[in-house]
Amino acid sequence: MAAPYVMASTVWGEAPVPPEIPMTTDSLTTWSVSKQGTFVAPASVFRVRDTVGIRARVVDQSSNALSGAQLFLEIRDAGGALVISLQGFSDGAGRVDLKWKTGRTQAPGLYTATVVEVLKSGYLFDAGLGTTQVTFSLE
């Protein structure tokens, strides 16, 4: 019978990480919303109890629309207090439509909607490349 022997060992290291492509939002606008829930027209002034529509467009560094990206948005009042967090996914045109139904107890004043994160495999959100904030008012 042959004597046992030790095979050579190799350390392979870690698999290379694929590069992450920068992405951002190239537009962020507020819209009036109909009673049926469709976006009607761009607007920046709303009444208490209105539904505020917020539309963003997710793109890569070459301004190509990205579908399937998950967008996270916060709405804060004039004092900086968080009012609501919203999230949605981009469609084939890179568009994300979010809605916020304001309540009767919502205080009139200035509000700011801010994109805080966008997630998509193989991409990295870079807020400095695009438009990530929009302000609107409630009367």
C-alpha atoms as a PDB file:
ATOM      1  CA  MET A   1       0.000   0.000   0.000  1.00  0.00           C
ATOM      2  CA  ALA A   2       1.248   3.474  -0.872  1.00  0.00           C
ATOM      3  CA  ALA A   3       2.150   5.946   1.835  1.00  0.00           C
ATOM      4  CA  PRO A   4      -0.212   8.930   2.213  1.00  0.00           C
ATOM      5  CA  TYR A   5       1.016  12.300   0.978  1.00  0.00           C
ATOM      6  CA  VAL A   6      -0.050  15.936   1.327  1.00  0.00           C
ATOM      7  CA  MET A   7      -1.348  17.662  -1.782  1.00  0.00           C
ATOM      8  CA  ALA A   8      -0.242  21.192  -2.516  1.00  0.00           C
ATOM      9  CA  SER A   9      -2.626  23.816  -1.130  1.00  0.00           C
ATOM     10  CA  THR A  10      -3.619  27.032  -2.857  1.00  0.00           C
ATOM     11  CA  VAL A  11      -5.154  30.161  -1.422  1.00  0.00           C
ATOM     12  CA  TRP A  12      -7.421  31.750  -4.007  1.00  0.00           C
ATOM     13  CA  GLY A  13      -8.382  34.951  -2.231  1.00  0.00           C
ATOM     14  CA  GLU A  14     -11.681  36.722  -2.718  1.00  0.00           C
ATOM     15  CA  ALA A  15     -13.647  37.017  -5.914  1.00  0.00           C
ATOM     16  CA  PRO A  16     -13.305  40.408  -7.579  1.00  0.00           C
ATOM     17  CA  VAL A  17     -16.127  42.815  -6.869  1.00  0.00           C
ATOM     18  CA  PRO A  18     -17.778  44.157 -10.015  1.00  0.00           C
ATOM     19  CA  PRO A  19     -17.647  47.942 -10.327  1.00  0.00           C
ATOM     20  CA  GLU A  20     -20.730  49.846  -9.262  1.00  0.00           C
ATOM     21  CA  ILE A  21     -22.067  52.314 -11.814  1.00  0.00           C
ATOM     22  CA  PRO A  22     -23.156  55.707 -10.464  1.00  0.00           C
ATOM     23  CA  MET A  23     -26.891  56.493 -10.616  1.00  0.00           C
ATOM     24  CA  THR A  24     -28.991  59.432  -9.493  1.00  0.00           C
ATOM     25  CA  THR A  25     -32.343  61.165  -9.944  1.00  0.00           C
ATOM     26  CA  ASP A  26     -32.257  63.711 -12.768  1.00  0.00           C
ATOM     27  CA  SER A  27     -35.666  65.184 -11.947  1.00  0.00           C
ATOM     28  CA  LEU A  28     -37.868  65.493  -8.884  1.00  0.00           C
ATOM     29  CA  THR A  29     -41.199  67.332  -9.164  1.00  0.00           C
ATOM     30  CA  THR A  30     -44.465  67.681  -7.270  1.00  0.00           C
ATOM     31  CA  TRP A  31     -47.813  67.147  -9.008  1.00  0.00           C
ATOM     32  CA  SER A  32     -51.487  67.668  -8.365  1.00  0.00           C
ATOM     33  CA  VAL A  33     -53.350  64.351  -8.207  1.00  0.00           C
ATOM     34  CA  SER A  34     -56.930  63.748  -9.348  1.00  0.00           C
ATOM     35  CA  LYS A  35     -59.589  62.050  -7.221  1.00  0.00           C
ATOM     36  CA  GLN A  36     -58.937  58.924  -9.323  1.00  0.00           C
ATOM     37  CA  GLY A  37     -55.265  58.994  -8.295  1.00  0.00           C
ATOM     38  CA  THR A  38     -53.692  60.066 -11.588  1.00  0.00           C
ATOM     39  CA  PHE A  39     -51.012  62.723 -11.836  1.00  0.00           C
ATOM     40  CA  VAL A  40     -52.617  65.798 -13.457  1.00  0.00           C
ATOM     41  CA  ALA A  41     -50.101  68.650 -13.689  1.00  0.00           C
ATOM     42  CA  PRO A  42     -46.951  69.940 -12.011  1.00  0.00           C
ATOM     43  CA  ALA A  43     -47.788  71.997  -8.902  1.00  0.00           C
ATOM     44  CA  SER A  44     -46.021  73.443  -5.882  1.00  0.00           C
ATOM     45  CA  VAL A  45     -48.929  74.716  -3.773  1.00  0.00           C
ATOM     46  CA  PHE A  46     -51.442  72.317  -2.225  1.00  0.00           C
ATOM     47  CA  ARG A  47     -54.325  72.520   0.224  1.00  0.00           C
ATOM     48  CA  VAL A  48     -54.567  70.528   3.421  1.00  0.00           C
ATOM     49  CA  ARG A  49     -56.288  67.180   2.623  1.00  0.00           C
ATOM     50  CA  ASP A  50     -54.948  67.211  -0.962  1.00  0.00           C
ATOM     51  CA  THR A  51     -52.859  64.354  -2.304  1.00  0.00           C
ATOM     52  CA  VAL A  52     -49.364  65.479  -3.211  1.00  0.00           C
ATOM     53  CA  GLY A  53     -47.832  63.578  -6.116  1.00  0.00           C
ATOM     54  CA  ILE A  54     -44.053  63.300  -6.253  1.00  0.00           C
ATOM     55  CA  ARG A  55     -42.389  62.129  -9.446  1.00  0.00           C
ATOM     56  CA  ALA A  56     -38.704  61.227  -9.720  1.00  0.00           C
ATOM     57  CA  ARG A  57     -36.664  59.825 -12.618  1.00  0.00           C
ATOM     58  CA  VAL A  58     -33.793  57.431 -11.902  1.00  0.00           C
ATOM     59  CA  VAL A  59     -30.900  57.457 -14.388  1.00  0.00           C
ATOM     60  CA  ASP A  60     -27.334  56.188 -14.697  1.00  0.00           C
ATOM     61  CA  GLN A  61     -24.293  58.431 -15.182  1.00  0.00           C
ATOM     62  CA  SER A  62     -25.041  58.643 -18.933  1.00  0.00           C
ATOM     63  CA  SER A  63     -28.660  59.765 -18.280  1.00  0.00           C
ATOM     64  CA  ASN A  64     -30.109  56.409 -19.356  1.00  0.00           C
ATOM     65  CA  ALA A  65     -33.357  55.560 -17.532  1.00  0.00           C
ATOM     66  CA  LEU A  66     -33.070  52.715 -15.009  1.00  0.00           C
ATOM     67  CA  SER A  67     -36.000  50.412 -14.324  1.00  0.00           C
ATOM     68  CA  GLY A  68     -36.428  48.382 -11.143  1.00  0.00           C
ATOM     69  CA  ALA A  69     -34.554  50.789  -8.885  1.00  0.00           C
ATOM     70  CA  GLN A  70     -35.985  51.191  -5.382  1.00  0.00           C
ATOM     71  CA  LEU A  71     -36.242  54.845  -4.335  1.00  0.00           C
ATOM     72  CA  PHE A  72     -36.618  56.055  -0.742  1.00  0.00           C
ATOM     73  CA  LEU A  73     -37.956  59.556  -0.063  1.00  0.00           C
ATOM     74  CA  GLU A  74     -38.596  61.590   3.088  1.00  0.00           C
ATOM     75  CA  ILE A  75     -40.946  64.516   3.527  1.00  0.00           C
ATOM     76  CA  ARG A  76     -40.023  66.987   6.264  1.00  0.00           C
ATOM     77  CA  ASP A  77     -41.764  70.098   7.541  1.00  0.00           C
ATOM     78  CA  ALA A  78     -40.214  73.579   7.785  1.00  0.00           C
ATOM     79  CA  GLY A  79     -38.760  72.705  11.197  1.00  0.00           C
ATOM     80  CA  GLY A  80     -36.985  69.658   9.780  1.00  0.00           C
ATOM     81  CA  ALA A  81     -39.225  67.122  11.503  1.00  0.00           C
ATOM     82  CA  LEU A  82     -39.877  63.933   9.561  1.00  0.00           C
ATOM     83  CA  VAL A  83     -43.510  63.826   8.409  1.00  0.00           C
ATOM     84  CA  ILE A  84     -43.503  60.641   6.309  1.00  0.00           C
ATOM     85  CA  SER A  85     -41.183  58.235   4.498  1.00  0.00           C
ATOM     86  CA  LEU A  86     -42.223  56.864   1.119  1.00  0.00           C
ATOM     87  CA  GLN A  87     -40.703  54.307  -1.237  1.00  0.00           C
ATOM     88  CA  GLY A  88     -41.364  53.021  -4.717  1.00  0.00           C
ATOM     89  CA  PHE A  89     -39.825  51.318  -7.744  1.00  0.00           C
ATOM     90  CA  SER A  90     -38.893  52.844 -11.088  1.00  0.00           C
ATOM     91  CA  ASP A  91     -40.726  51.753 -14.232  1.00  0.00           C
ATOM     92  CA  GLY A  92     -39.269  51.175 -17.717  1.00  0.00           C
ATOM     93  CA  ALA A  93     -38.866  54.928 -18.217  1.00  0.00           C
ATOM     94  CA  GLY A  94     -37.017  55.256 -14.875  1.00  0.00           C
ATOM     95  CA  ARG A  95     -40.028  57.039 -13.390  1.00  0.00           C
ATOM     96  CA  VAL A  96     -41.092  56.649  -9.765  1.00  0.00           C
ATOM     97  CA  ASP A  97     -44.506  58.052  -8.805  1.00  0.00           C
ATOM     98  CA  LEU A  98     -45.230  58.469  -5.093  1.00  0.00           C
ATOM     99  CA  LYS A  99     -48.311  59.916  -3.385  1.00  0.00           C
ATOM    100  CA  TRP A 100     -48.833  61.514   0.006  1.00  0.00           C
ATOM    101  CA  LYS A 101     -52.400  62.141   1.190  1.00  0.00           C
ATOM    102  CA  THR A 102     -52.200  65.092   3.556  1.00  0.00           C
ATOM    103  CA  GLY A 103     -54.430  64.951   6.608  1.00  0.00           C
ATOM    104  CA  ARG A 104     -56.697  67.610   8.037  1.00  0.00           C
ATOM    105  CA  THR A 105     -54.345  67.996  11.002  1.00  0.00           C
ATOM    106  CA  GLN A 106     -51.379  68.670   8.701  1.00  0.00           C
ATOM    107  CA  ALA A 107     -49.988  72.123   9.435  1.00  0.00           C
ATOM    108  CA  PRO A 108     -49.874  74.660   6.610  1.00  0.00           C
ATOM    109  CA  GLY A 109     -46.370  75.696   5.617  1.00  0.00           C
ATOM    110  CA  LEU A 110     -43.326  74.756   3.592  1.00  0.00           C
ATOM    111  CA  TYR A 111     -42.377  71.085   3.122  1.00  0.00           C
ATOM    112  CA  THR A 112     -39.324  69.446   1.565  1.00  0.00           C
ATOM    113  CA  ALA A 113     -39.239  66.082  -0.197  1.00  0.00           C
ATOM    114  CA  THR A 114     -35.751  64.554  -0.327  1.00  0.00           C
ATOM    115  CA  VAL A 115     -34.519  61.408  -2.059  1.00  0.00           C
ATOM    116  CA  VAL A 116     -32.428  59.738   0.645  1.00  0.00           C
ATOM    117  CA  GLU A 117     -31.479  56.488  -1.134  1.00  0.00           C
ATOM    118  CA  VAL A 118     -31.835  54.627  -4.401  1.00  0.00           C
ATOM    119  CA  LEU A 119     -30.984  50.911  -4.577  1.00  0.00           C
ATOM    120  CA  LYS A 120     -30.297  48.762  -7.635  1.00  0.00           C
ATOM    121  CA  SER A 121     -27.908  45.846  -8.006  1.00  0.00           C
ATOM    122  CA  GLY A 122     -24.675  46.895  -9.733  1.00  0.00           C
ATOM    123  CA  TYR A 123     -25.327  50.612  -9.169  1.00  0.00           C
ATOM    124  CA  LEU A 124     -24.377  53.120  -6.486  1.00  0.00           C
ATOM    125  CA  PHE A 125     -26.581  56.137  -5.664  1.00  0.00           C
ATOM    126  CA  ASP A 126     -24.718  59.451  -5.956  1.00  0.00           C
ATOM    127  CA  ALA A 127     -26.909  62.300  -4.709  1.00  0.00           C
ATOM    128  CA  GLY A 128     -24.346  64.865  -5.886  1.00  0.00           C
ATOM    129  CA  LEU A 129     -24.964  64.033  -9.543  1.00  0.00           C
ATOM    130  CA  GLY A 130     -28.622  64.988  -9.747  1.00  0.00           C
ATOM    131  CA  THR A 131     -31.746  66.572  -8.335  1.00  0.00           C
ATOM    132  CA  THR A 132     -32.649  65.101  -4.958  1.00  0.00           C
ATOM    133  CA  GLN A 133     -34.811  67.767  -3.300  1.00  0.00           C
ATOM    134  CA  VAL A 134     -38.022  69.642  -4.044  1.00  0.00           C
ATOM    135  CA  THR A 135     -40.026  72.033  -1.867  1.00  0.00           C
ATOM    136  CA  PHE A 136     -43.762  72.651  -1.857  1.00  0.00           C
ATOM    137  CA  SER A 137     -46.279  74.344   0.398  1.00  0.00           C
ATOM    138  CA  LEU A 138     -49.545  73.456   2.074  1.00  0.00           C
ATOM    139  CA  GLU A 139     -52.110  76.187   2.588  1.00  0.00           C
END
